[in-house]
Structure formats: C-alpha cells, structure tokens
Amino acid sequence: MSGNSNVGNSQVYEAGDQRNAKSSELGSESRFHEGVANSHHNNDPKDNRSLVNRAAAERQSSDPPESLETSLHKKDPTLPAKMHGNEPSRGAKIDAELQAEDEAMLNKKNQK
C-alpha cells in the first residue's frame, strides 16, 4: 500500500524534496559568505565599524617602508649582489646599462 496517505494530496510528498543535492551541483552556486574585494572604504561614514577597527584598517592599508636593498636596487641594480659578495646577474647588468643610457639621454635633453 505504498503511496496511500490519509493526509493531503500525494503530489505534496514528492521524493525530490527529501533528497540531498548531487555532489556535482554543490560547488556551482555563488559563495554567500565570501567577501568582495574592495567592498569596504576606509572613509565610508555609513560603515558600522568602530573607530578602533577603522584605525587598524588604516594602519594596514599604508604602504610598508622600503627595505635598504630595495632602495639600493633602484639606484644601482648591481649593488645588492655586490654587497653580498656575489657577481651581479646578467639581468642586473643589463638593467644597469639601460639605466645609464636613460640618464645620459635625460642629461642631453636637459642641456639643450
């Protein structure tokens, strides 16, 4: 006597309502709890964050100071390798040559 019920219509008790979703369907929907990049603006007056949280976010968003090696690399690409007692790489040598050429061109333009 399957399908016989004394309560309501048999169409109400469809089996699809009581089955788990297939594993292939589980990852297809968009993620609800994942935050969107750049969804918070630090200066948003309608944001419900406390002043302490805003200050912490501001501290995190500021750029960290450059390291000594980074600043030296911008001046002379071969200098960090020389400081460590190594021979500069081929790319660093090429970068130094290009930088010297650029500086020479700028000096010529400034003299005119």
N, C-alpha and C. Protein backbone atom coordinates (compact mmCIF):
# COMPACT_ATOMS: atom_id res chain seq x y z
N MET A 1 0.81 -1.18 0.00
CA MET A 1 0.00 0.00 0.00
C MET A 1 0.87 1.25 0.00
N SER A 2 1.86 1.29 -0.84
CA SER A 2 2.69 2.48 -0.90
C SER A 2 1.96 3.58 -1.64
N GLY A 3 2.19 4.81 -1.21
CA GLY A 3 1.56 5.95 -1.86
C GLY A 3 0.21 6.30 -1.30
N ASN A 4 -0.34 5.46 -0.45
CA ASN A 4 -1.63 5.78 0.15
C ASN A 4 -1.40 6.61 1.41
N SER A 5 -2.09 7.72 1.48
CA SER A 5 -1.96 8.58 2.63
C SER A 5 -3.32 9.14 2.97
N ASN A 6 -3.54 9.29 4.22
CA ASN A 6 -4.80 9.87 4.66
C ASN A 6 -4.72 11.38 4.77
N VAL A 7 -3.52 11.94 4.57
CA VAL A 7 -3.34 13.38 4.75
C VAL A 7 -2.96 14.00 3.42
N GLY A 8 -3.74 14.89 2.89
CA GLY A 8 -3.42 15.67 1.72
C GLY A 8 -3.30 14.89 0.43
N ASN A 9 -2.73 15.56 -0.53
CA ASN A 9 -2.58 15.06 -1.88
C ASN A 9 -1.24 14.33 -1.99
N SER A 10 -1.17 13.29 -2.77
CA SER A 10 0.07 12.52 -2.92
C SER A 10 1.15 13.34 -3.65
N GLN A 11 0.79 14.37 -4.41
CA GLN A 11 1.76 15.19 -5.13
C GLN A 11 2.59 16.05 -4.17
N VAL A 12 2.08 16.30 -2.98
CA VAL A 12 2.79 17.09 -1.99
C VAL A 12 4.03 16.35 -1.51
N TYR A 13 4.00 15.03 -1.49
CA TYR A 13 5.08 14.22 -0.96
C TYR A 13 6.02 13.74 -2.05
N GLU A 14 6.44 14.63 -2.88
CA GLU A 14 7.34 14.27 -3.97
C GLU A 14 8.72 13.95 -3.40
N ALA A 15 9.39 12.94 -3.94
CA ALA A 15 10.65 12.46 -3.40
C ALA A 15 11.79 13.46 -3.58
N GLY A 16 11.71 14.35 -4.56
CA GLY A 16 12.78 15.30 -4.81
C GLY A 16 13.00 16.27 -3.67
N ASP A 17 11.98 16.49 -2.85
CA ASP A 17 12.11 17.41 -1.73
C ASP A 17 12.96 16.82 -0.61
N GLN A 18 13.07 15.51 -0.57
CA GLN A 18 13.73 14.87 0.55
C GLN A 18 15.09 14.28 0.20
N ARG A 19 15.59 14.56 -0.97
CA ARG A 19 16.88 14.01 -1.39
C ARG A 19 17.96 15.07 -1.28
N ASN A 20 19.19 14.62 -1.03
CA ASN A 20 20.33 15.53 -0.97
C ASN A 20 20.75 15.92 -2.38
N ALA A 21 21.38 17.07 -2.50
CA ALA A 21 21.85 17.54 -3.80
C ALA A 21 23.03 16.68 -4.26
N LYS A 22 23.20 16.57 -5.56
CA LYS A 22 24.32 15.81 -6.11
C LYS A 22 25.62 16.54 -5.82
N SER A 23 26.70 15.81 -5.71
CA SER A 23 27.99 16.45 -5.42
C SER A 23 28.44 17.35 -6.58
N SER A 24 27.99 17.07 -7.80
CA SER A 24 28.36 17.91 -8.93
C SER A 24 27.65 19.26 -8.88
N GLU A 25 26.53 19.35 -8.17
CA GLU A 25 25.78 20.59 -8.09
C GLU A 25 26.19 21.46 -6.90
N LEU A 26 26.95 20.92 -5.96
CA LEU A 26 27.24 21.64 -4.73
C LEU A 26 28.08 22.89 -4.94
N GLY A 27 29.11 22.84 -5.77
CA GLY A 27 30.00 23.98 -5.93
C GLY A 27 29.58 24.99 -6.97
N SER A 28 28.44 24.82 -7.60
CA SER A 28 28.08 25.67 -8.72
C SER A 28 27.50 27.02 -8.31
N GLU A 29 26.85 27.11 -7.13
CA GLU A 29 26.24 28.38 -6.75
C GLU A 29 27.31 29.35 -6.23
N SER A 30 26.97 30.62 -6.25
CA SER A 30 27.94 31.62 -5.80
C SER A 30 28.11 31.52 -4.29
N ARG A 31 29.28 31.93 -3.83
CA ARG A 31 29.59 31.81 -2.42
C ARG A 31 28.97 32.98 -1.66
N PHE A 32 28.21 32.66 -0.63
CA PHE A 32 27.46 33.68 0.09
C PHE A 32 28.33 34.40 1.12
N HIS A 33 29.15 33.70 1.86
CA HIS A 33 29.87 34.29 2.97
C HIS A 33 31.21 34.89 2.57
N GLU A 34 31.60 34.76 1.34
CA GLU A 34 32.90 35.28 0.91
C GLU A 34 32.79 36.77 0.63
N GLY A 35 33.74 37.54 1.14
CA GLY A 35 33.71 38.98 0.96
C GLY A 35 34.18 39.36 -0.43
N VAL A 36 33.71 40.49 -0.89
CA VAL A 36 34.10 41.01 -2.19
C VAL A 36 35.30 41.93 -2.00
N ALA A 37 36.26 41.87 -2.88
CA ALA A 37 37.43 42.72 -2.77
C ALA A 37 37.03 44.18 -2.87
N ASN A 38 37.66 45.02 -2.07
CA ASN A 38 37.41 46.46 -2.02
C ASN A 38 35.96 46.81 -1.70
N SER A 39 35.29 45.99 -0.91
CA SER A 39 33.91 46.28 -0.57
C SER A 39 33.81 47.29 0.57
N HIS A 40 34.89 47.46 1.34
CA HIS A 40 34.91 48.45 2.42
C HIS A 40 35.78 49.63 2.02
N HIS A 41 35.28 50.82 2.21
CA HIS A 41 36.06 52.02 2.02
C HIS A 41 36.37 52.58 3.40
N ASN A 42 37.62 52.91 3.64
CA ASN A 42 38.02 53.35 4.97
C ASN A 42 37.30 54.61 5.43
N ASN A 43 36.92 55.48 4.52
CA ASN A 43 36.28 56.74 4.89
C ASN A 43 34.77 56.71 4.73
N ASP A 44 34.17 55.55 4.66
CA ASP A 44 32.73 55.44 4.46
C ASP A 44 32.00 55.81 5.76
N PRO A 45 31.22 56.90 5.78
CA PRO A 45 30.55 57.30 7.02
C PRO A 45 29.43 56.35 7.44
N LYS A 46 28.90 55.58 6.51
CA LYS A 46 27.81 54.66 6.83
C LYS A 46 28.31 53.29 7.26
N ASP A 47 29.61 53.11 7.29
CA ASP A 47 30.17 51.84 7.70
C ASP A 47 30.00 51.69 9.21
N ASN A 48 29.64 50.52 9.67
CA ASN A 48 29.36 50.31 11.08
C ASN A 48 30.58 49.89 11.89
N ARG A 49 31.77 50.04 11.33
CA ARG A 49 32.96 49.65 12.08
C ARG A 49 33.27 50.69 13.16
N SER A 50 33.87 50.23 14.25
CA SER A 50 34.22 51.14 15.33
C SER A 50 35.45 51.95 14.94
N LEU A 51 35.74 52.99 15.72
CA LEU A 51 36.91 53.82 15.44
C LEU A 51 38.19 53.02 15.55
N VAL A 52 38.24 52.09 16.49
CA VAL A 52 39.44 51.26 16.66
C VAL A 52 39.66 50.39 15.41
N ASN A 53 38.57 49.82 14.89
CA ASN A 53 38.70 48.98 13.69
C ASN A 53 39.08 49.81 12.48
N ARG A 54 38.57 51.04 12.39
CA ARG A 54 38.93 51.92 11.27
C ARG A 54 40.40 52.30 11.34
N ALA A 55 40.88 52.58 12.56
CA ALA A 55 42.29 52.95 12.72
C ALA A 55 43.20 51.78 12.37
N ALA A 56 42.80 50.56 12.77
CA ALA A 56 43.60 49.38 12.45
C ALA A 56 43.63 49.14 10.95
N ALA A 57 42.51 49.35 10.27
CA ALA A 57 42.47 49.17 8.82
C ALA A 57 43.33 50.21 8.12
N GLU A 58 43.34 51.42 8.66
CA GLU A 58 44.15 52.49 8.07
C GLU A 58 45.64 52.16 8.22
N ARG A 59 46.02 51.61 9.37
CA ARG A 59 47.41 51.24 9.58
C ARG A 59 47.83 50.12 8.62
N GLN A 60 46.93 49.18 8.36
CA GLN A 60 47.25 48.08 7.46
C GLN A 60 47.33 48.54 6.02
N SER A 61 46.53 49.53 5.65
CA SER A 61 46.49 49.94 4.25
C SER A 61 47.69 50.80 3.87
N SER A 62 48.37 51.40 4.84
CA SER A 62 49.53 52.21 4.49
C SER A 62 50.65 51.31 4.01
N ASP A 63 51.41 51.80 3.04
CA ASP A 63 52.47 51.01 2.45
C ASP A 63 53.63 50.87 3.42
N PRO A 64 54.19 49.67 3.53
CA PRO A 64 55.34 49.50 4.42
C PRO A 64 56.56 50.23 3.85
N PRO A 65 57.47 50.68 4.69
CA PRO A 65 58.65 51.38 4.19
C PRO A 65 59.53 50.43 3.38
N GLU A 66 60.25 51.01 2.42
CA GLU A 66 61.12 50.19 1.58
C GLU A 66 62.30 49.68 2.38
N SER A 67 62.75 48.50 2.04
CA SER A 67 63.94 47.97 2.69
C SER A 67 65.17 48.64 2.07
N LEU A 68 66.30 48.48 2.73
CA LEU A 68 67.54 49.08 2.26
C LEU A 68 67.92 48.52 0.89
N GLU A 69 67.76 47.21 0.74
CA GLU A 69 68.13 46.58 -0.54
C GLU A 69 67.25 47.08 -1.68
N THR A 70 65.97 47.29 -1.40
CA THR A 70 65.07 47.77 -2.45
C THR A 70 65.47 49.16 -2.91
N SER A 71 65.76 50.04 -1.96
CA SER A 71 66.16 51.39 -2.34
C SER A 71 67.51 51.39 -3.07
N LEU A 72 68.43 50.50 -2.66
CA LEU A 72 69.72 50.40 -3.35
C LEU A 72 69.54 49.85 -4.76
N HIS A 73 68.63 48.91 -4.92
CA HIS A 73 68.37 48.30 -6.22
C HIS A 73 67.84 49.34 -7.20
N LYS A 74 67.07 50.31 -6.71
CA LYS A 74 66.54 51.34 -7.59
C LYS A 74 67.65 52.27 -8.06
N LYS A 75 68.67 52.49 -7.21
CA LYS A 75 69.78 53.36 -7.60
C LYS A 75 70.75 52.64 -8.53
N ASP A 76 71.14 51.43 -8.15
CA ASP A 76 72.08 50.64 -8.95
C ASP A 76 71.66 49.18 -8.88
N PRO A 77 71.17 48.60 -9.97
CA PRO A 77 70.66 47.22 -9.95
C PRO A 77 71.71 46.18 -9.57
N THR A 78 73.00 46.49 -9.74
CA THR A 78 74.04 45.51 -9.42
C THR A 78 74.52 45.61 -7.98
N LEU A 79 74.16 46.67 -7.28
CA LEU A 79 74.71 46.93 -5.94
C LEU A 79 74.32 45.88 -4.89
N PRO A 80 73.06 45.42 -4.81
CA PRO A 80 72.75 44.41 -3.78
C PRO A 80 73.57 43.14 -3.92
N ALA A 81 73.80 42.69 -5.15
CA ALA A 81 74.60 41.47 -5.34
C ALA A 81 76.04 41.72 -4.92
N LYS A 82 76.56 42.89 -5.25
CA LYS A 82 77.93 43.22 -4.87
C LYS A 82 78.06 43.31 -3.35
N MET A 83 77.04 43.83 -2.68
CA MET A 83 77.08 43.93 -1.22
C MET A 83 77.16 42.56 -0.56
N HIS A 84 76.54 41.57 -1.17
CA HIS A 84 76.54 40.22 -0.62
C HIS A 84 77.75 39.41 -1.08
N GLY A 85 78.63 40.04 -1.85
CA GLY A 85 79.83 39.35 -2.31
C GLY A 85 79.60 38.46 -3.50
N ASN A 86 78.54 38.71 -4.24
CA ASN A 86 78.22 37.89 -5.41
C ASN A 86 78.40 38.71 -6.68
N GLU A 87 78.56 38.00 -7.77
CA GLU A 87 78.61 38.68 -9.06
C GLU A 87 77.18 38.99 -9.48
N PRO A 88 76.91 40.21 -9.96
CA PRO A 88 75.55 40.56 -10.38
C PRO A 88 75.08 39.67 -11.53
N SER A 89 73.80 39.44 -11.56
CA SER A 89 73.23 38.61 -12.62
C SER A 89 73.29 39.35 -13.95
N ARG A 90 73.09 38.61 -15.00
CA ARG A 90 73.11 39.19 -16.34
C ARG A 90 72.00 40.23 -16.50
N GLY A 91 70.83 39.92 -15.93
CA GLY A 91 69.71 40.85 -15.99
C GLY A 91 70.00 42.14 -15.25
N ALA A 92 70.67 42.03 -14.10
CA ALA A 92 71.02 43.22 -13.33
C ALA A 92 72.02 44.07 -14.09
N LYS A 93 72.95 43.42 -14.78
CA LYS A 93 73.93 44.17 -15.58
C LYS A 93 73.24 44.90 -16.72
N ILE A 94 72.30 44.24 -17.38
CA ILE A 94 71.56 44.86 -18.48
C ILE A 94 70.72 46.03 -17.94
N ASP A 95 70.08 45.84 -16.78
CA ASP A 95 69.30 46.91 -16.18
C ASP A 95 70.18 48.12 -15.87
N ALA A 96 71.40 47.88 -15.39
CA ALA A 96 72.32 48.97 -15.08
C ALA A 96 72.70 49.72 -16.35
N GLU A 97 72.95 48.97 -17.44
CA GLU A 97 73.29 49.62 -18.71
C GLU A 97 72.13 50.47 -19.23
N LEU A 98 70.92 49.92 -19.15
CA LEU A 98 69.74 50.66 -19.62
C LEU A 98 69.51 51.92 -18.77
N GLN A 99 69.73 51.78 -17.48
CA GLN A 99 69.55 52.92 -16.59
C GLN A 99 70.59 54.01 -16.91
N ALA A 100 71.81 53.60 -17.18
CA ALA A 100 72.86 54.57 -17.53
C ALA A 100 72.53 55.27 -18.85
N GLU A 101 72.01 54.52 -19.83
CA GLU A 101 71.62 55.11 -21.11
C GLU A 101 70.49 56.12 -20.92
N ASP A 102 69.51 55.76 -20.08
CA ASP A 102 68.39 56.67 -19.83
C ASP A 102 68.86 57.96 -19.17
N GLU A 103 69.76 57.82 -18.20
CA GLU A 103 70.28 59.01 -17.52
C GLU A 103 71.08 59.89 -18.49
N ALA A 104 71.83 59.26 -19.38
CA ALA A 104 72.60 60.03 -20.37
C ALA A 104 71.66 60.78 -21.31
N MET A 105 70.58 60.14 -21.73
CA MET A 105 69.61 60.80 -22.61
C MET A 105 68.94 61.97 -21.90
N LEU A 106 68.60 61.77 -20.62
CA LEU A 106 67.97 62.85 -19.87
C LEU A 106 68.93 64.02 -19.69
N ASN A 107 70.21 63.73 -19.46
CA ASN A 107 71.19 64.80 -19.32
C ASN A 107 71.34 65.59 -20.61
N LYS A 108 71.30 64.89 -21.75
CA LYS A 108 71.40 65.57 -23.05
C LYS A 108 70.19 66.48 -23.27
N LYS A 109 69.01 66.00 -22.90
CA LYS A 109 67.78 66.78 -23.09
C LYS A 109 67.79 68.00 -22.18
N ASN A 110 68.32 67.86 -20.97
CA ASN A 110 68.34 68.97 -20.02
C ASN A 110 69.38 70.03 -20.43
N GLN A 111 70.40 69.63 -21.14
CA GLN A 111 71.44 70.58 -21.54
C GLN A 111 70.99 71.44 -22.72
N LYS A 112 70.06 70.96 -23.52
CA LYS A 112 69.62 71.69 -24.72
C LYS A 112 68.81 72.89 -24.38
